[in-house]
């Protein structure tokens, strides 16, 4: 199994209930960043402990992130301080995840 894991053939996904660790529901962020600053903004965002996943995308919003905060107050604090300080943001859209039907999927 160690060899399979080293070669990337076998990997482990673990789904946990975030409430057991004091985590609140996820919120999705779609950000529009000036193209010249996309890499710097994405790297900065990915370094935040509140970010579970971040990716550069295409279209009117070119940076996506999944945020996990303990509650709405912490989400508001995070958005109005750390996210708002990222370079070259021109637009942000947020959407709370109301219900998750499926988490990790098989990789093909």
PDB file of N, CA and C in Angstrom:
ATOM      1  N   UNK A   1       0.810  -1.175   0.000  1.00  0.00           N
ATOM      2  CA  UNK A   1       0.000   0.000   0.000  1.00  0.00           C
ATOM      3  C   UNK A   1       0.862   1.250   0.000  1.00  0.00           C
ATOM      4  N   UNK A   2       2.007   1.201   0.684  1.00  0.00           N
ATOM      5  CA  UNK A   2       2.881   2.366   0.716  1.00  0.00           C
ATOM      6  C   UNK A   2       3.357   2.713  -0.691  1.00  0.00           C
ATOM      7  N   UNK A   3       3.713   1.695  -1.477  1.00  0.00           N
ATOM      8  CA  UNK A   3       4.169   1.945  -2.844  1.00  0.00           C
ATOM      9  C   UNK A   3       3.044   2.536  -3.703  1.00  0.00           C
ATOM     10  N   UNK A   4       1.835   2.027  -3.546  1.00  0.00           N
ATOM     11  CA  UNK A   4       0.704   2.557  -4.303  1.00  0.00           C
ATOM     12  C   UNK A   4       0.449   4.018  -3.934  1.00  0.00           C
ATOM     13  N   UNK A   5       0.554   4.337  -2.658  1.00  0.00           N
ATOM     14  CA  UNK A   5       0.357   5.721  -2.233  1.00  0.00           C
ATOM     15  C   UNK A   5       1.465   6.616  -2.762  1.00  0.00           C
ATOM     16  N   UNK A   6       2.713   6.134  -2.743  1.00  0.00           N
ATOM     17  CA  UNK A   6       3.845   6.930  -3.247  1.00  0.00           C
ATOM     18  C   UNK A   6       3.693   7.229  -4.732  1.00  0.00           C
ATOM     19  N   UNK A   7       3.140   6.284  -5.484  1.00  0.00           N
ATOM     20  CA  UNK A   7       2.963   6.469  -6.929  1.00  0.00           C
ATOM     21  C   UNK A   7       1.682   7.216  -7.282  1.00  0.00           C
ATOM     22  N   UNK A   8       0.887   7.552  -6.276  1.00  0.00           N
ATOM     23  CA  UNK A   8      -0.339   8.294  -6.529  1.00  0.00           C
ATOM     24  C   UNK A   8      -1.484   7.453  -7.046  1.00  0.00           C
ATOM     25  N   UNK A   9      -1.345   6.127  -7.009  1.00  0.00           N
ATOM     26  CA  UNK A   9      -2.400   5.238  -7.466  1.00  0.00           C
ATOM     27  C   UNK A   9      -3.482   5.096  -6.402  1.00  0.00           C
ATOM     28  N   UNK A  10      -3.074   5.116  -5.151  1.00  0.00           N
ATOM     29  CA  UNK A  10      -4.000   5.008  -4.035  1.00  0.00           C
ATOM     30  C   UNK A  10      -3.945   6.294  -3.232  1.00  0.00           C
ATOM     31  N   UNK A  11      -5.099   6.872  -2.992  1.00  0.00           N
ATOM     32  CA  UNK A  11      -5.164   8.061  -2.156  1.00  0.00           C
ATOM     33  C   UNK A  11      -6.351   7.915  -1.225  1.00  0.00           C
ATOM     34  N   UNK A  12      -6.343   8.677  -0.166  1.00  0.00           N
ATOM     35  CA  UNK A  12      -7.404   8.594   0.825  1.00  0.00           C
ATOM     36  C   UNK A  12      -8.169   9.903   0.886  1.00  0.00           C
ATOM     37  N   UNK A  13      -9.479   9.822   0.886  1.00  0.00           N
ATOM     38  CA  UNK A  13     -10.364  10.957   1.120  1.00  0.00           C
ATOM     39  C   UNK A  13     -11.102  10.672   2.414  1.00  0.00           C
ATOM     40  N   UNK A  14     -11.182  11.652   3.259  1.00  0.00           N
ATOM     41  CA  UNK A  14     -11.896  11.483   4.516  1.00  0.00           C
ATOM     42  C   UNK A  14     -12.944  12.577   4.620  1.00  0.00           C
ATOM     43  N   UNK A  15     -14.174  12.177   4.809  1.00  0.00           N
ATOM     44  CA  UNK A  15     -15.261  13.129   5.042  1.00  0.00           C
ATOM     45  C   UNK A  15     -15.531  13.174   6.537  1.00  0.00           C
ATOM     46  N   UNK A  16     -15.510  14.358   7.092  1.00  0.00           N
ATOM     47  CA  UNK A  16     -15.807  14.516   8.513  1.00  0.00           C
ATOM     48  C   UNK A  16     -16.897  15.564   8.677  1.00  0.00           C
ATOM     49  N   UNK A  17     -17.602  15.475   9.756  1.00  0.00           N
ATOM     50  CA  UNK A  17     -18.610  16.469  10.087  1.00  0.00           C
ATOM     51  C   UNK A  17     -17.891  17.643  10.744  1.00  0.00           C
ATOM     52  N   UNK A  18     -17.794  18.758  10.047  1.00  0.00           N
ATOM     53  CA  UNK A  18     -17.075  19.926  10.546  1.00  0.00           C
ATOM     54  C   UNK A  18     -17.600  20.465  11.855  1.00  0.00           C
ATOM     55  N   UNK A  19     -18.878  20.198  12.147  1.00  0.00           N
ATOM     56  CA  UNK A  19     -19.446  20.668  13.414  1.00  0.00           C
ATOM     57  C   UNK A  19     -18.737  20.057  14.610  1.00  0.00           C
ATOM     58  N   UNK A  20     -18.158  18.855  14.434  1.00  0.00           N
ATOM     59  CA  UNK A  20     -17.400  18.225  15.520  1.00  0.00           C
ATOM     60  C   UNK A  20     -16.153  19.026  15.883  1.00  0.00           C
ATOM     61  N   UNK A  21     -15.693  19.852  14.955  1.00  0.00           N
ATOM     62  CA  UNK A  21     -14.497  20.665  15.162  1.00  0.00           C
ATOM     63  C   UNK A  21     -14.835  22.146  15.305  1.00  0.00           C
ATOM     64  N   UNK A  22     -16.104  22.453  15.513  1.00  0.00           N
ATOM     65  CA  UNK A  22     -16.523  23.832  15.698  1.00  0.00           C
ATOM     66  C   UNK A  22     -16.608  24.632  14.412  1.00  0.00           C
ATOM     67  N   UNK A  23     -16.695  23.951  13.276  1.00  0.00           N
ATOM     68  CA  UNK A  23     -16.772  24.642  11.996  1.00  0.00           C
ATOM     69  C   UNK A  23     -18.227  24.814  11.575  1.00  0.00           C
ATOM     70  N   UNK A  24     -18.515  25.953  11.004  1.00  0.00           N
ATOM     71  CA  UNK A  24     -19.856  26.232  10.510  1.00  0.00           C
ATOM     72  C   UNK A  24     -19.990  25.799   9.067  1.00  0.00           C
ATOM     73  N   UNK A  25     -21.082  26.178   8.432  1.00  0.00           N
ATOM     74  CA  UNK A  25     -21.311  25.797   7.039  1.00  0.00           C
ATOM     75  C   UNK A  25     -20.337  26.499   6.096  1.00  0.00           C
ATOM     76  N   UNK A  26     -20.175  25.893   4.927  1.00  0.00           N
ATOM     77  CA  UNK A  26     -19.300  26.464   3.898  1.00  0.00           C
ATOM     78  C   UNK A  26     -19.992  27.621   3.187  1.00  0.00           C
ATOM     79  N   UNK A  27     -19.186  28.522   2.695  1.00  0.00           N
ATOM     80  CA  UNK A  27     -19.665  29.616   1.855  1.00  0.00           C
ATOM     81  C   UNK A  27     -18.784  29.634   0.611  1.00  0.00           C
ATOM     82  N   UNK A  28     -19.397  29.789  -0.540  1.00  0.00           N
ATOM     83  CA  UNK A  28     -18.648  29.858  -1.788  1.00  0.00           C
ATOM     84  C   UNK A  28     -18.377  31.312  -2.126  1.00  0.00           C
ATOM     85  N   UNK A  29     -17.165  31.571  -2.589  1.00  0.00           N
ATOM     86  CA  UNK A  29     -16.773  32.915  -3.030  1.00  0.00           C
ATOM     87  C   UNK A  29     -16.389  32.866  -4.496  1.00  0.00           C
ATOM     88  N   UNK A  30     -16.876  33.823  -5.250  1.00  0.00           N
ATOM     89  CA  UNK A  30     -16.428  34.034  -6.620  1.00  0.00           C
ATOM     90  C   UNK A  30     -15.875  35.448  -6.668  1.00  0.00           C
ATOM     91  N   UNK A  31     -14.612  35.560  -7.016  1.00  0.00           N
ATOM     92  CA  UNK A  31     -13.959  36.870  -7.024  1.00  0.00           C
ATOM     93  C   UNK A  31     -13.490  37.225  -8.425  1.00  0.00           C
ATOM     94  N   UNK A  32     -13.583  38.499  -8.753  1.00  0.00           N
ATOM     95  CA  UNK A  32     -12.996  39.025  -9.987  1.00  0.00           C
ATOM     96  C   UNK A  32     -11.732  39.764  -9.587  1.00  0.00           C
ATOM     97  N   UNK A  33     -10.630  39.335 -10.164  1.00  0.00           N
ATOM     98  CA  UNK A  33      -9.314  39.891  -9.842  1.00  0.00           C
ATOM     99  C   UNK A  33      -8.678  40.389 -11.137  1.00  0.00           C
ATOM    100  N   UNK A  34      -7.992  41.513 -11.086  1.00  0.00           N
ATOM    101  CA  UNK A  34      -7.253  41.978 -12.264  1.00  0.00           C
ATOM    102  C   UNK A  34      -6.288  40.865 -12.683  1.00  0.00           C
ATOM    103  N   UNK A  35      -6.270  40.501 -13.970  1.00  0.00           N
ATOM    104  CA  UNK A  35      -5.460  39.365 -14.422  1.00  0.00           C
ATOM    105  C   UNK A  35      -3.994  39.408 -13.980  1.00  0.00           C
ATOM    106  N   UNK A  36      -3.391  40.568 -13.972  1.00  0.00           N
ATOM    107  CA  UNK A  36      -1.984  40.662 -13.579  1.00  0.00           C
ATOM    108  C   UNK A  36      -1.764  40.325 -12.108  1.00  0.00           C
ATOM    109  N   UNK A  37      -2.814  40.379 -11.303  1.00  0.00           N
ATOM    110  CA  UNK A  37      -2.707  40.103  -9.869  1.00  0.00           C
ATOM    111  C   UNK A  37      -3.334  38.770  -9.463  1.00  0.00           C
ATOM    112  N   UNK A  38      -3.816  37.998 -10.444  1.00  0.00           N
ATOM    113  CA  UNK A  38      -4.534  36.765 -10.134  1.00  0.00           C
ATOM    114  C   UNK A  38      -3.681  35.770  -9.361  1.00  0.00           C
ATOM    115  N   UNK A  39      -2.459  35.552  -9.786  1.00  0.00           N
ATOM    116  CA  UNK A  39      -1.599  34.576  -9.100  1.00  0.00           C
ATOM    117  C   UNK A  39      -1.311  35.002  -7.670  1.00  0.00           C
ATOM    118  N   UNK A  40      -0.985  36.259  -7.461  1.00  0.00           N
ATOM    119  CA  UNK A  40      -0.684  36.749  -6.109  1.00  0.00           C
ATOM    120  C   UNK A  40      -1.913  36.683  -5.214  1.00  0.00           C
ATOM    121  N   UNK A  41      -3.061  37.082  -5.743  1.00  0.00           N
ATOM    122  CA  UNK A  41      -4.284  37.048  -4.941  1.00  0.00           C
ATOM    123  C   UNK A  41      -4.677  35.608  -4.623  1.00  0.00           C
ATOM    124  N   UNK A  42      -4.557  34.719  -5.593  1.00  0.00           N
ATOM    125  CA  UNK A  42      -4.890  33.309  -5.371  1.00  0.00           C
ATOM    126  C   UNK A  42      -3.977  32.666  -4.337  1.00  0.00           C
ATOM    127  N   UNK A  43      -2.687  32.942  -4.410  1.00  0.00           N
ATOM    128  CA  UNK A  43      -1.749  32.382  -3.434  1.00  0.00           C
ATOM    129  C   UNK A  43      -2.034  32.921  -2.036  1.00  0.00           C
ATOM    130  N   UNK A  44      -2.333  34.208  -1.939  1.00  0.00           N
ATOM    131  CA  UNK A  44      -2.650  34.800  -0.635  1.00  0.00           C
ATOM    132  C   UNK A  44      -3.923  34.185  -0.069  1.00  0.00           C
ATOM    133  N   UNK A  45      -4.952  34.070  -0.893  1.00  0.00           N
ATOM    134  CA  UNK A  45      -6.221  33.503  -0.454  1.00  0.00           C
ATOM    135  C   UNK A  45      -6.041  32.046  -0.017  1.00  0.00           C
ATOM    136  N   UNK A  46      -5.299  31.272  -0.793  1.00  0.00           N
ATOM    137  CA  UNK A  46      -5.081  29.858  -0.467  1.00  0.00           C
ATOM    138  C   UNK A  46      -4.345  29.682   0.856  1.00  0.00           C
ATOM    139  N   UNK A  47      -3.602  30.687   1.275  1.00  0.00           N
ATOM    140  CA  UNK A  47      -2.882  30.614   2.537  1.00  0.00           C
ATOM    141  C   UNK A  47      -3.725  30.898   3.761  1.00  0.00           C
ATOM    142  N   UNK A  48      -4.952  31.359   3.575  1.00  0.00           N
ATOM    143  CA  UNK A  48      -5.823  31.655   4.711  1.00  0.00           C
ATOM    144  C   UNK A  48      -6.370  30.356   5.300  1.00  0.00           C
ATOM    145  N   UNK A  49      -6.343  30.192   6.603  1.00  0.00           N
ATOM    146  CA  UNK A  49      -6.859  28.956   7.200  1.00  0.00           C
ATOM    147  C   UNK A  49      -8.366  28.761   6.991  1.00  0.00           C
ATOM    148  N   UNK A  50      -9.100  29.806   6.701  1.00  0.00           N
ATOM    149  CA  UNK A  50     -10.545  29.699   6.455  1.00  0.00           C
ATOM    150  C   UNK A  50     -10.868  29.076   5.099  1.00  0.00           C
ATOM    151  N   UNK A  51      -9.888  29.022   4.209  1.00  0.00           N
ATOM    152  CA  UNK A  51     -10.113  28.530   2.854  1.00  0.00           C
ATOM    153  C   UNK A  51      -9.875  27.026   2.782  1.00  0.00           C
ATOM    154  N   UNK A  52     -10.935  26.287   2.411  1.00  0.00           N
ATOM    155  CA  UNK A  52     -10.831  24.837   2.261  1.00  0.00           C
ATOM    156  C   UNK A  52     -10.357  24.462   0.860  1.00  0.00           C
ATOM    157  N   UNK A  53     -10.665  25.306  -0.132  1.00  0.00           N
ATOM    158  CA  UNK A  53     -10.321  25.024  -1.526  1.00  0.00           C
ATOM    159  C   UNK A  53     -10.295  26.340  -2.276  1.00  0.00           C
ATOM    160  N   UNK A  54      -9.336  26.496  -3.170  1.00  0.00           N
ATOM    161  CA  UNK A  54      -9.263  27.693  -4.015  1.00  0.00           C
ATOM    162  C   UNK A  54      -8.775  27.287  -5.399  1.00  0.00           C
ATOM    163  N   UNK A  55      -9.285  27.982  -6.434  1.00  0.00           N
ATOM    164  CA  UNK A  55      -8.887  27.664  -7.807  1.00  0.00           C
ATOM    165  C   UNK A  55      -9.053  28.882  -8.702  1.00  0.00           C
ATOM    166  N   UNK A  56      -8.150  29.016  -9.651  1.00  0.00           N
ATOM    167  CA  UNK A  56      -8.309  30.017 -10.702  1.00  0.00           C
ATOM    168  C   UNK A  56      -9.304  29.455 -11.706  1.00  0.00           C
ATOM    169  N   UNK A  57     -10.186  30.319 -12.224  1.00  0.00           N
ATOM    170  CA  UNK A  57     -11.212  29.890 -13.173  1.00  0.00           C
ATOM    171  C   UNK A  57     -11.217  30.846 -14.365  1.00  0.00           C
ATOM    172  N   UNK A  58     -12.157  30.646 -15.257  1.00  0.00           N
ATOM    173  CA  UNK A  58     -12.321  31.560 -16.389  1.00  0.00           C
ATOM    174  C   UNK A  58     -13.686  32.220 -16.285  1.00  0.00           C
ATOM    175  N   UNK A  59     -13.858  33.279 -17.027  1.00  0.00           N
ATOM    176  CA  UNK A  59     -15.136  33.978 -17.029  1.00  0.00           C
ATOM    177  C   UNK A  59     -15.058  35.269 -16.246  1.00  0.00           C
ATOM    178  N   UNK A  60     -16.206  35.867 -15.948  1.00  0.00           N
ATOM    179  CA  UNK A  60     -16.219  37.153 -15.254  1.00  0.00           C
ATOM    180  C   UNK A  60     -15.646  37.079 -13.843  1.00  0.00           C
ATOM    181  N   UNK A  61     -15.755  35.908 -13.196  1.00  0.00           N
ATOM    182  CA  UNK A  61     -15.084  35.711 -11.913  1.00  0.00           C
ATOM    183  C   UNK A  61     -13.957  34.717 -12.170  1.00  0.00           C
ATOM    184  N   UNK A  62     -12.733  35.128 -11.865  1.00  0.00           N
ATOM    185  CA  UNK A  62     -11.595  34.292 -12.216  1.00  0.00           C
ATOM    186  C   UNK A  62     -10.890  33.649 -11.018  1.00  0.00           C
ATOM    187  N   UNK A  63     -11.496  33.751  -9.837  1.00  0.00           N
ATOM    188  CA  UNK A  63     -10.952  33.091  -8.656  1.00  0.00           C
ATOM    189  C   UNK A  63     -12.122  32.579  -7.830  1.00  0.00           C
ATOM    190  N   UNK A  64     -12.088  31.297  -7.503  1.00  0.00           N
ATOM    191  CA  UNK A  64     -13.143  30.659  -6.710  1.00  0.00           C
ATOM    192  C   UNK A  64     -12.542  30.160  -5.409  1.00  0.00           C
ATOM    193  N   UNK A  65     -13.321  30.209  -4.338  1.00  0.00           N
ATOM    194  CA  UNK A  65     -12.857  29.661  -3.061  1.00  0.00           C
ATOM    195  C   UNK A  65     -14.033  29.141  -2.256  1.00  0.00           C
ATOM    196  N   UNK A  66     -13.763  28.112  -1.483  1.00  0.00           N
ATOM    197  CA  UNK A  66     -14.724  27.564  -0.530  1.00  0.00           C
ATOM    198  C   UNK A  66     -14.234  27.966   0.859  1.00  0.00           C
ATOM    199  N   UNK A  67     -15.073  28.692   1.591  1.00  0.00           N
ATOM    200  CA  UNK A  67     -14.708  29.247   2.895  1.00  0.00           C
ATOM    201  C   UNK A  67     -15.446  28.497   3.989  1.00  0.00           C
ATOM    202  N   UNK A  68     -14.750  28.204   5.083  1.00  0.00           N
ATOM    203  CA  UNK A  68     -15.383  27.588   6.248  1.00  0.00           C
ATOM    204  C   UNK A  68     -15.064  28.447   7.465  1.00  0.00           C
ATOM    205  N   UNK A  69     -16.095  29.021   8.051  1.00  0.00           N
ATOM    206  CA  UNK A  69     -15.963  29.821   9.273  1.00  0.00           C
ATOM    207  C   UNK A  69     -16.874  29.232  10.339  1.00  0.00           C
ATOM    208  N   UNK A  70     -16.615  29.554  11.581  1.00  0.00           N
ATOM    209  CA  UNK A  70     -17.387  28.996  12.693  1.00  0.00           C
ATOM    210  C   UNK A  70     -18.842  29.438  12.682  1.00  0.00           C
ATOM    211  N   UNK A  71     -19.095  30.671  12.224  1.00  0.00           N
ATOM    212  CA  UNK A  71     -20.460  31.200  12.233  1.00  0.00           C
ATOM    213  C   UNK A  71     -20.529  32.409  11.306  1.00  0.00           C
ATOM    214  N   UNK A  72     -21.707  33.013  11.204  1.00  0.00           N
ATOM    215  CA  UNK A  72     -21.889  34.153  10.300  1.00  0.00           C
ATOM    216  C   UNK A  72     -21.064  35.360  10.727  1.00  0.00           C
ATOM    217  N   UNK A  73     -20.944  35.568  12.015  1.00  0.00           N
ATOM    218  CA  UNK A  73     -20.146  36.697  12.506  1.00  0.00           C
ATOM    219  C   UNK A  73     -18.684  36.565  12.064  1.00  0.00           C
ATOM    220  N   UNK A  74     -18.139  35.348  12.193  1.00  0.00           N
ATOM    221  CA  UNK A  74     -16.755  35.120  11.763  1.00  0.00           C
ATOM    222  C   UNK A  74     -16.614  35.238  10.249  1.00  0.00           C
ATOM    223  N   UNK A  75     -17.622  34.801   9.502  1.00  0.00           N
ATOM    224  CA  UNK A  75     -17.596  34.957   8.048  1.00  0.00           C
ATOM    225  C   UNK A  75     -17.579  36.435   7.684  1.00  0.00           C
ATOM    226  N   UNK A  76     -18.433  37.224   8.315  1.00  0.00           N
ATOM    227  CA  UNK A  76     -18.472  38.665   8.056  1.00  0.00           C
ATOM    228  C   UNK A  76     -17.120  39.305   8.364  1.00  0.00           C
ATOM    229  N   UNK A  77     -16.540  38.952   9.512  1.00  0.00           N
ATOM    230  CA  UNK A  77     -15.233  39.488   9.890  1.00  0.00           C
ATOM    231  C   UNK A  77     -14.176  39.114   8.854  1.00  0.00           C
ATOM    232  N   UNK A  78     -14.197  37.863   8.427  1.00  0.00           N
ATOM    233  CA  UNK A  78     -13.218  37.395   7.440  1.00  0.00           C
ATOM    234  C   UNK A  78     -13.367  38.143   6.114  1.00  0.00           C
ATOM    235  N   UNK A  79     -14.593  38.272   5.625  1.00  0.00           N
ATOM    236  CA  UNK A  79     -14.819  38.949   4.343  1.00  0.00           C
ATOM    237  C   UNK A  79     -14.437  40.423   4.389  1.00  0.00           C
ATOM    238  N   UNK A  80     -14.748  41.080   5.506  1.00  0.00           N
ATOM    239  CA  UNK A  80     -14.524  42.533   5.580  1.00  0.00           C
ATOM    240  C   UNK A  80     -13.110  42.912   6.005  1.00  0.00           C
ATOM    241  N   UNK A  81     -12.304  41.943   6.374  1.00  0.00           N
ATOM    242  CA  UNK A  81     -10.922  42.262   6.759  1.00  0.00           C
ATOM    243  C   UNK A  81      -9.926  41.591   5.816  1.00  0.00           C
ATOM    244  N   UNK A  82      -9.796  40.293   5.902  1.00  0.00           N
ATOM    245  CA  UNK A  82      -8.745  39.595   5.151  1.00  0.00           C
ATOM    246  C   UNK A  82      -9.027  39.508   3.656  1.00  0.00           C
ATOM    247  N   UNK A  83     -10.251  39.172   3.292  1.00  0.00           N
ATOM    248  CA  UNK A  83     -10.560  39.069   1.859  1.00  0.00           C
ATOM    249  C   UNK A  83     -10.530  40.451   1.210  1.00  0.00           C
ATOM    250  N   UNK A  84     -11.109  41.433   1.864  1.00  0.00           N
ATOM    251  CA  UNK A  84     -11.144  42.779   1.280  1.00  0.00           C
ATOM    252  C   UNK A  84      -9.751  43.384   1.120  1.00  0.00           C
ATOM    253  N   UNK A  85      -8.769  42.851   1.817  1.00  0.00           N
ATOM    254  CA  UNK A  85      -7.398  43.364   1.711  1.00  0.00           C
ATOM    255  C   UNK A  85      -6.605  42.739   0.558  1.00  0.00           C
ATOM    256  N   UNK A  86      -7.170  41.751  -0.123  1.00  0.00           N
ATOM    257  CA  UNK A  86      -6.456  41.128  -1.243  1.00  0.00           C
ATOM    258  C   UNK A  86      -6.268  42.141  -2.370  1.00  0.00           C
ATOM    259  N   UNK A  87      -5.142  42.032  -3.093  1.00  0.00           N
ATOM    260  CA  UNK A  87      -4.869  43.009  -4.159  1.00  0.00           C
ATOM    261  C   UNK A  87      -5.782  42.826  -5.380  1.00  0.00           C
ATOM    262  N   UNK A  88      -6.191  43.940  -5.945  1.00  0.00           N
ATOM    263  CA  UNK A  88      -6.840  44.006  -7.256  1.00  0.00           C
ATOM    264  C   UNK A  88      -8.210  43.342  -7.344  1.00  0.00           C
ATOM    265  N   UNK A  89      -8.950  43.231  -6.242  1.00  0.00           N
ATOM    266  CA  UNK A  89     -10.315  42.705  -6.307  1.00  0.00           C
ATOM    267  C   UNK A  89     -11.215  43.766  -6.926  1.00  0.00           C
ATOM    268  N   UNK A  90     -11.981  43.361  -7.931  1.00  0.00           N
ATOM    269  CA  UNK A  90     -12.937  44.285  -8.524  1.00  0.00           C
ATOM    270  C   UNK A  90     -14.378  43.910  -8.193  1.00  0.00           C
ATOM    271  N   UNK A  91     -14.599  42.646  -7.789  1.00  0.00           N
ATOM    272  CA  UNK A  91     -15.963  42.193  -7.504  1.00  0.00           C
ATOM    273  C   UNK A  91     -15.908  40.898  -6.695  1.00  0.00           C
ATOM    274  N   UNK A  92     -16.836  40.737  -5.748  1.00  0.00           N
ATOM    275  CA  UNK A  92     -16.950  39.507  -4.965  1.00  0.00           C
ATOM    276  C   UNK A  92     -18.415  39.099  -4.905  1.00  0.00           C
ATOM    277  N   UNK A  93     -18.681  37.818  -5.107  1.00  0.00           N
ATOM    278  CA  UNK A  93     -20.005  37.253  -4.889  1.00  0.00           C
ATOM    279  C   UNK A  93     -19.854  36.148  -3.857  1.00  0.00           C
ATOM    280  N   UNK A  94     -20.806  36.062  -2.929  1.00  0.00           N
ATOM    281  CA  UNK A  94     -20.784  35.006  -1.920  1.00  0.00           C
ATOM    282  C   UNK A  94     -22.093  34.232  -1.969  1.00  0.00           C
ATOM    283  N   UNK A  95     -22.011  32.950  -1.618  1.00  0.00           N
ATOM    284  CA  UNK A  95     -23.205  32.114  -1.553  1.00  0.00           C
ATOM    285  C   UNK A  95     -23.001  31.064  -0.473  1.00  0.00           C
ATOM    286  N   UNK A  96     -23.837  31.094   0.563  1.00  0.00           N
ATOM    287  CA  UNK A  96     -23.725  30.046   1.586  1.00  0.00           C
ATOM    288  C   UNK A  96     -24.218  28.713   1.031  1.00  0.00           C
ATOM    289  N   UNK A  97     -23.582  27.649   1.452  1.00  0.00           N
ATOM    290  CA  UNK A  97     -24.020  26.307   1.057  1.00  0.00           C
ATOM    291  C   UNK A  97     -25.118  25.896   2.031  1.00  0.00           C
ATOM    292  N   UNK A  98     -26.310  25.738   1.525  1.00  0.00           N
ATOM    293  CA  UNK A  98     -27.460  25.404   2.358  1.00  0.00           C
ATOM    294  C   UNK A  98     -27.452  23.920   2.714  1.00  0.00           C
ATOM    295  N   UNK A  99     -27.184  23.061   1.721  1.00  0.00           N
ATOM    296  CA  UNK A  99     -27.161  21.627   1.951  1.00  0.00           C
ATOM    297  C   UNK A  99     -26.184  20.979   0.986  1.00  0.00           C
ATOM    298  N   UNK A 100     -25.351  20.096   1.507  1.00  0.00           N
ATOM    299  CA  UNK A 100     -24.420  19.342   0.657  1.00  0.00           C
ATOM    300  C   UNK A 100     -25.003  17.963   0.432  1.00  0.00           C
ATOM    301  N   UNK A 101     -25.155  17.578  -0.826  1.00  0.00           N
ATOM    302  CA  UNK A 101     -25.726  16.290  -1.175  1.00  0.00           C
ATOM    303  C   UNK A 101     -24.627  15.258  -1.365  1.00  0.00           C
ATOM    304  N   UNK A 102     -23.483  15.677  -1.934  1.00  0.00           N
ATOM    305  CA  UNK A 102     -22.381  14.756  -2.188  1.00  0.00           C
ATOM    306  C   UNK A 102     -21.080  15.519  -2.014  1.00  0.00           C
ATOM    307  N   UNK A 103     -20.114  14.902  -1.385  1.00  0.00           N
ATOM    308  CA  UNK A 103     -18.798  15.526  -1.181  1.00  0.00           C
ATOM    309  C   UNK A 103     -17.817  15.025  -2.232  1.00  0.00           C
ATOM    310  N   UNK A 104     -16.772  14.353  -1.803  1.00  0.00           N
ATOM    311  CA  UNK A 104     -15.716  13.888  -2.703  1.00  0.00           C
ATOM    312  C   UNK A 104     -16.267  12.875  -3.701  1.00  0.00           C
ATOM    313  N   UNK A 105     -15.738  12.921  -4.906  1.00  0.00           N
ATOM    314  CA  UNK A 105     -16.133  11.991  -5.948  1.00  0.00           C
ATOM    315  C   UNK A 105     -14.917  11.198  -6.404  1.00  0.00           C
ATOM    316  N   UNK A 106     -15.145  10.083  -7.013  1.00  0.00           N
ATOM    317  CA  UNK A 106     -14.052   9.251  -7.535  1.00  0.00           C
ATOM    318  C   UNK A 106     -13.296  10.018  -8.608  1.00  0.00           C
ATOM    319  N   UNK A 107     -11.977   9.932  -8.574  1.00  0.00           N
ATOM    320  CA  UNK A 107     -11.167  10.587  -9.612  1.00  0.00           C
ATOM    321  C   UNK A 107     -11.048   9.654 -10.798  1.00  0.00           C
ATOM    322  N   UNK A 108     -11.121  10.237 -11.967  1.00  0.00           N
ATOM    323  CA  UNK A 108     -11.033   9.420 -13.194  1.00  0.00           C
ATOM    324  C   UNK A 108      -9.816   9.769 -13.964  1.00  0.00           C
TER     325      UNK A 108
END
